[in-house]
N, C-alpha and C. Protein backbone atom coordinates (compact mmCIF):
# COMPACT_ATOMS: atom_id res chain seq x y z
N MET A 1 -16.00 -10.20 -4.65
CA MET A 1 -14.64 -10.72 -4.68
C MET A 1 -13.89 -10.07 -5.82
N SER A 2 -12.76 -9.52 -5.54
CA SER A 2 -11.96 -8.84 -6.54
C SER A 2 -10.98 -9.80 -7.19
N LEU A 3 -10.59 -9.44 -8.39
CA LEU A 3 -9.59 -10.24 -9.09
C LEU A 3 -8.19 -9.63 -8.96
N LYS A 4 -8.08 -8.55 -8.19
CA LYS A 4 -6.79 -7.90 -8.03
C LYS A 4 -5.87 -8.73 -7.14
N LYS A 5 -4.59 -8.65 -7.46
CA LYS A 5 -3.58 -9.39 -6.71
C LYS A 5 -2.59 -8.40 -6.10
N LYS A 6 -2.21 -8.67 -4.86
CA LYS A 6 -1.20 -7.83 -4.20
C LYS A 6 0.16 -8.22 -4.73
N THR A 7 0.92 -7.24 -5.18
CA THR A 7 2.27 -7.47 -5.68
C THR A 7 3.25 -6.56 -4.94
N GLY A 8 4.52 -6.85 -5.08
CA GLY A 8 5.55 -6.02 -4.48
C GLY A 8 6.01 -6.55 -3.14
N LYS A 9 6.80 -5.75 -2.47
CA LYS A 9 7.29 -6.13 -1.15
C LYS A 9 7.49 -4.87 -0.31
N CYS A 10 7.62 -5.06 0.96
CA CYS A 10 7.80 -3.95 1.88
C CYS A 10 9.14 -3.28 1.60
N ASN A 11 9.10 -1.95 1.46
CA ASN A 11 10.35 -1.22 1.28
C ASN A 11 10.71 -0.41 2.53
N GLN A 12 10.05 -0.72 3.62
CA GLN A 12 10.33 -0.14 4.93
C GLN A 12 10.16 1.37 4.98
N CYS A 13 9.13 1.88 4.27
CA CYS A 13 8.87 3.32 4.32
C CYS A 13 8.26 3.74 5.66
N GLY A 14 7.60 2.81 6.36
CA GLY A 14 7.03 3.09 7.67
C GLY A 14 5.69 3.80 7.66
N ASN A 15 5.17 4.14 6.49
CA ASN A 15 3.92 4.88 6.44
C ASN A 15 2.73 4.08 6.98
N CYS A 16 2.75 2.77 6.81
CA CYS A 16 1.65 1.95 7.29
C CYS A 16 1.56 1.95 8.81
N CYS A 17 2.65 2.32 9.47
CA CYS A 17 2.69 2.31 10.93
C CYS A 17 2.49 3.70 11.53
N ARG A 18 2.25 4.68 10.68
CA ARG A 18 2.07 6.05 11.17
C ARG A 18 0.61 6.42 11.36
N ASP A 19 -0.26 5.76 10.62
CA ASP A 19 -1.69 6.00 10.79
C ASP A 19 -2.44 4.73 10.41
N PHE A 20 -3.70 4.69 10.78
CA PHE A 20 -4.51 3.52 10.47
C PHE A 20 -5.95 3.93 10.23
N PHE A 21 -6.69 3.04 9.60
CA PHE A 21 -8.07 3.30 9.22
C PHE A 21 -8.98 2.27 9.87
N ILE A 22 -10.15 2.74 10.27
CA ILE A 22 -11.16 1.87 10.85
C ILE A 22 -12.49 2.17 10.16
N ASP A 23 -13.12 1.12 9.63
CA ASP A 23 -14.46 1.26 9.06
C ASP A 23 -15.47 1.07 10.17
N VAL A 24 -16.44 1.98 10.24
CA VAL A 24 -17.46 1.91 11.29
C VAL A 24 -18.83 2.02 10.63
N ASN A 25 -19.74 1.15 11.06
CA ASN A 25 -21.11 1.17 10.58
C ASN A 25 -22.00 1.61 11.75
N LEU A 26 -22.63 2.77 11.59
CA LEU A 26 -23.48 3.32 12.65
C LEU A 26 -24.95 3.27 12.26
N ASP A 27 -25.36 2.19 11.62
CA ASP A 27 -26.72 2.12 11.08
C ASP A 27 -27.81 2.05 12.15
N GLN A 28 -27.45 1.89 13.40
CA GLN A 28 -28.45 1.81 14.47
C GLN A 28 -28.69 3.14 15.18
N VAL A 29 -28.08 4.21 14.68
CA VAL A 29 -28.25 5.50 15.35
C VAL A 29 -29.13 6.42 14.50
N THR A 30 -29.65 7.45 15.13
CA THR A 30 -30.48 8.43 14.43
C THR A 30 -29.60 9.34 13.58
N ASP A 31 -30.20 10.10 12.69
CA ASP A 31 -29.45 11.06 11.88
C ASP A 31 -28.71 12.05 12.77
N TYR A 32 -29.38 12.54 13.81
CA TYR A 32 -28.75 13.48 14.72
C TYR A 32 -27.54 12.85 15.39
N GLU A 33 -27.69 11.63 15.92
CA GLU A 33 -26.58 10.95 16.58
C GLU A 33 -25.43 10.70 15.62
N PHE A 34 -25.74 10.36 14.38
CA PHE A 34 -24.72 10.13 13.37
C PHE A 34 -23.89 11.39 13.14
N MET A 35 -24.55 12.50 12.92
CA MET A 35 -23.84 13.76 12.69
C MET A 35 -23.06 14.20 13.93
N ASP A 36 -23.65 13.98 15.10
CA ASP A 36 -22.97 14.35 16.34
C ASP A 36 -21.72 13.50 16.56
N TYR A 37 -21.81 12.23 16.22
CA TYR A 37 -20.65 11.33 16.34
C TYR A 37 -19.53 11.80 15.42
N ILE A 38 -19.86 12.17 14.19
CA ILE A 38 -18.85 12.67 13.25
C ILE A 38 -18.23 13.96 13.79
N LYS A 39 -19.06 14.83 14.32
CA LYS A 39 -18.55 16.08 14.89
C LYS A 39 -17.62 15.81 16.06
N TRP A 40 -18.00 14.87 16.92
CA TRP A 40 -17.18 14.52 18.08
C TRP A 40 -15.83 13.96 17.64
N LEU A 41 -15.84 13.02 16.70
CA LEU A 41 -14.59 12.44 16.20
C LEU A 41 -13.69 13.52 15.59
N SER A 42 -14.29 14.42 14.84
CA SER A 42 -13.53 15.47 14.15
C SER A 42 -12.89 16.46 15.11
N CYS A 43 -13.36 16.50 16.34
CA CYS A 43 -12.78 17.41 17.34
C CYS A 43 -11.45 16.89 17.90
N HIS A 44 -11.12 15.65 17.63
CA HIS A 44 -9.91 15.07 18.18
C HIS A 44 -8.71 15.29 17.26
N MET A 45 -7.60 15.59 17.87
CA MET A 45 -6.36 15.80 17.14
C MET A 45 -5.98 14.51 16.41
N ASN A 46 -5.46 14.68 15.21
CA ASN A 46 -4.93 13.56 14.42
C ASN A 46 -5.97 12.51 14.03
N VAL A 47 -7.24 12.93 13.97
CA VAL A 47 -8.32 12.03 13.54
C VAL A 47 -9.07 12.70 12.41
N GLU A 48 -9.27 11.96 11.34
CA GLU A 48 -10.08 12.44 10.21
C GLU A 48 -11.20 11.45 9.96
N VAL A 49 -12.35 11.98 9.56
CA VAL A 49 -13.52 11.15 9.30
C VAL A 49 -13.96 11.34 7.86
N LYS A 50 -14.19 10.23 7.19
CA LYS A 50 -14.68 10.25 5.82
C LYS A 50 -16.00 9.48 5.81
N VAL A 51 -17.07 10.15 5.35
CA VAL A 51 -18.36 9.48 5.25
C VAL A 51 -18.35 8.68 3.96
N LYS A 52 -18.47 7.37 4.09
CA LYS A 52 -18.45 6.49 2.92
C LYS A 52 -19.85 6.28 2.35
N ASP A 53 -20.85 6.26 3.21
CA ASP A 53 -22.23 6.06 2.78
C ASP A 53 -23.14 6.69 3.83
N HIS A 54 -23.61 7.91 3.53
CA HIS A 54 -24.40 8.65 4.52
C HIS A 54 -25.71 7.93 4.82
N LYS A 55 -26.38 7.43 3.81
CA LYS A 55 -27.68 6.76 4.00
C LYS A 55 -27.56 5.54 4.92
N ARG A 56 -26.49 4.76 4.74
CA ARG A 56 -26.29 3.57 5.57
C ARG A 56 -25.43 3.87 6.79
N ARG A 57 -25.04 5.13 6.93
CA ARG A 57 -24.26 5.62 8.07
C ARG A 57 -22.95 4.85 8.25
N LYS A 58 -22.21 4.77 7.15
CA LYS A 58 -20.91 4.12 7.19
C LYS A 58 -19.83 5.19 7.08
N ILE A 59 -18.86 5.11 7.98
CA ILE A 59 -17.75 6.06 7.97
C ILE A 59 -16.43 5.32 8.02
N GLU A 60 -15.39 6.05 7.64
CA GLU A 60 -14.02 5.56 7.78
C GLU A 60 -13.29 6.55 8.66
N ILE A 61 -12.67 6.05 9.69
CA ILE A 61 -11.92 6.89 10.62
C ILE A 61 -10.44 6.67 10.36
N GLN A 62 -9.71 7.76 10.14
CA GLN A 62 -8.26 7.68 9.99
C GLN A 62 -7.64 8.28 11.24
N VAL A 63 -6.83 7.50 11.90
CA VAL A 63 -6.13 7.95 13.09
C VAL A 63 -4.67 8.12 12.73
N LYS A 64 -4.20 9.36 12.81
CA LYS A 64 -2.81 9.67 12.46
C LYS A 64 -1.99 9.71 13.74
N ASN A 65 -1.55 8.53 14.13
CA ASN A 65 -0.80 8.38 15.37
C ASN A 65 0.15 7.20 15.19
N PRO A 66 1.46 7.44 15.16
CA PRO A 66 2.40 6.35 14.89
C PRO A 66 2.38 5.26 15.95
N CYS A 67 2.64 4.05 15.50
CA CYS A 67 2.77 2.91 16.39
C CYS A 67 3.98 3.11 17.30
N LYS A 68 3.82 2.74 18.55
CA LYS A 68 4.93 2.91 19.50
C LYS A 68 6.09 1.96 19.23
N HIS A 69 5.88 0.98 18.35
CA HIS A 69 6.94 0.02 18.03
C HIS A 69 7.67 0.35 16.72
N LEU A 70 7.32 1.47 16.09
CA LEU A 70 7.97 1.88 14.85
C LEU A 70 9.36 2.42 15.17
N VAL A 71 10.36 1.84 14.51
CA VAL A 71 11.76 2.21 14.77
C VAL A 71 12.34 2.91 13.55
N ASP A 72 12.90 4.10 13.77
CA ASP A 72 13.60 4.82 12.71
C ASP A 72 15.00 4.24 12.62
N ASN A 73 15.32 3.63 11.48
CA ASN A 73 16.63 2.99 11.33
C ASN A 73 17.75 4.00 11.04
N GLY A 74 17.39 5.28 10.86
CA GLY A 74 18.39 6.31 10.65
C GLY A 74 18.90 6.41 9.23
N ASP A 75 18.41 5.58 8.34
CA ASP A 75 18.87 5.61 6.95
C ASP A 75 17.70 5.84 5.98
N GLY A 76 16.60 6.40 6.51
CA GLY A 76 15.42 6.64 5.68
C GLY A 76 14.46 5.46 5.65
N THR A 77 14.80 4.38 6.37
CA THR A 77 13.90 3.24 6.45
C THR A 77 13.44 3.06 7.89
N TYR A 78 12.38 2.28 8.03
CA TYR A 78 11.80 2.03 9.34
C TYR A 78 11.57 0.54 9.51
N SER A 79 11.55 0.10 10.75
CA SER A 79 11.29 -1.32 11.03
C SER A 79 10.41 -1.43 12.27
N CYS A 80 10.03 -2.67 12.55
CA CYS A 80 9.15 -2.96 13.68
C CYS A 80 9.96 -3.55 14.82
N ALA A 81 9.84 -2.95 16.00
CA ALA A 81 10.58 -3.44 17.17
C ALA A 81 10.04 -4.77 17.68
N ILE A 82 8.82 -5.13 17.27
CA ILE A 82 8.25 -6.41 17.72
C ILE A 82 7.93 -7.29 16.50
N GLN A 83 8.80 -7.27 15.51
CA GLN A 83 8.59 -7.98 14.26
C GLN A 83 8.09 -9.41 14.46
N GLU A 84 8.70 -10.15 15.34
CA GLU A 84 8.33 -11.56 15.55
C GLU A 84 6.98 -11.72 16.24
N ASN A 85 6.52 -10.68 16.92
CA ASN A 85 5.27 -10.77 17.69
C ASN A 85 4.22 -9.75 17.27
N LYS A 86 4.42 -9.12 16.12
CA LYS A 86 3.47 -8.08 15.72
C LYS A 86 2.10 -8.68 15.40
N PRO A 87 1.04 -7.88 15.51
CA PRO A 87 -0.32 -8.37 15.26
C PRO A 87 -0.50 -8.87 13.83
N GLU A 88 -1.41 -9.80 13.65
CA GLU A 88 -1.71 -10.36 12.33
C GLU A 88 -2.11 -9.27 11.33
N ILE A 89 -2.86 -8.28 11.77
CA ILE A 89 -3.30 -7.22 10.85
C ILE A 89 -2.09 -6.52 10.22
N CYS A 90 -1.02 -6.41 10.97
CA CYS A 90 0.21 -5.81 10.44
C CYS A 90 0.86 -6.74 9.41
N ARG A 91 0.81 -8.02 9.68
CA ARG A 91 1.43 -9.00 8.78
C ARG A 91 0.75 -9.06 7.42
N HIS A 92 -0.53 -8.74 7.39
CA HIS A 92 -1.30 -8.84 6.14
C HIS A 92 -1.44 -7.51 5.41
N TYR A 93 -0.86 -6.46 5.95
CA TYR A 93 -0.95 -5.15 5.31
C TYR A 93 -0.24 -5.18 3.97
N PRO A 94 -0.72 -4.48 2.99
CA PRO A 94 -2.04 -3.83 2.93
C PRO A 94 -3.10 -4.78 2.42
N GLU A 95 -4.33 -4.50 2.78
CA GLU A 95 -5.45 -5.26 2.26
C GLU A 95 -6.14 -4.43 1.19
N GLU A 96 -6.73 -5.09 0.25
CA GLU A 96 -7.32 -4.40 -0.89
C GLU A 96 -8.41 -3.41 -0.50
N ASP A 97 -9.10 -3.66 0.60
CA ASP A 97 -10.15 -2.75 1.04
C ASP A 97 -9.62 -1.33 1.24
N TYR A 98 -8.35 -1.22 1.54
CA TYR A 98 -7.74 0.09 1.80
C TYR A 98 -6.77 0.50 0.70
N GLU A 99 -6.97 -0.03 -0.49
CA GLU A 99 -6.08 0.24 -1.61
C GLU A 99 -5.90 1.75 -1.86
N ASP A 100 -6.97 2.51 -1.73
CA ASP A 100 -6.90 3.95 -1.98
C ASP A 100 -6.10 4.69 -0.92
N ASP A 101 -5.88 4.06 0.21
CA ASP A 101 -5.18 4.71 1.31
C ASP A 101 -3.70 4.34 1.40
N ILE A 102 -3.23 3.48 0.51
CA ILE A 102 -1.83 3.06 0.52
C ILE A 102 -0.95 4.23 0.09
N SER A 103 0.08 4.48 0.84
CA SER A 103 1.02 5.54 0.51
C SER A 103 1.69 5.28 -0.84
N SER A 104 1.96 6.34 -1.54
CA SER A 104 2.66 6.21 -2.83
C SER A 104 4.08 5.68 -2.62
N LYS A 105 4.60 5.78 -1.42
CA LYS A 105 5.94 5.27 -1.10
C LYS A 105 5.96 3.77 -0.82
N CYS A 106 4.77 3.19 -0.64
CA CYS A 106 4.67 1.77 -0.29
C CYS A 106 5.13 0.90 -1.45
N GLY A 107 5.80 -0.19 -1.14
CA GLY A 107 6.28 -1.11 -2.16
C GLY A 107 5.20 -2.07 -2.66
N PHE A 108 4.03 -2.07 -2.01
CA PHE A 108 2.93 -2.95 -2.43
C PHE A 108 1.97 -2.22 -3.35
N LYS A 109 1.42 -2.95 -4.29
CA LYS A 109 0.40 -2.43 -5.21
C LYS A 109 -0.60 -3.53 -5.47
N PHE A 110 -1.76 -3.16 -5.97
CA PHE A 110 -2.76 -4.14 -6.40
C PHE A 110 -2.94 -4.01 -7.91
N VAL A 111 -2.82 -5.14 -8.61
CA VAL A 111 -2.98 -5.15 -10.06
C VAL A 111 -4.01 -6.18 -10.49
């Protein structure tokens, strides 16, 4: 449990809606399957793979693909076309687990 607190507010930079991260644990696969899975993921456009723990076969997948509901407001800010109905994961962004992945343009920080 961390003692860090999320501070700040959304400044509508839209970066959180342009890509997303997924943590995957592949501890049930062989070494060969693990490396092959990473190779397969890396072959896809707009996907990056970061090995977080090779021994435990934990990876982080970054998918660089904007949300279809991201709206360019035309003034350098962005908004959500489904604000009232957006998924909970969007409402809680950012979470501390992904602190290192927060855009420098984001209005949220952890202190």
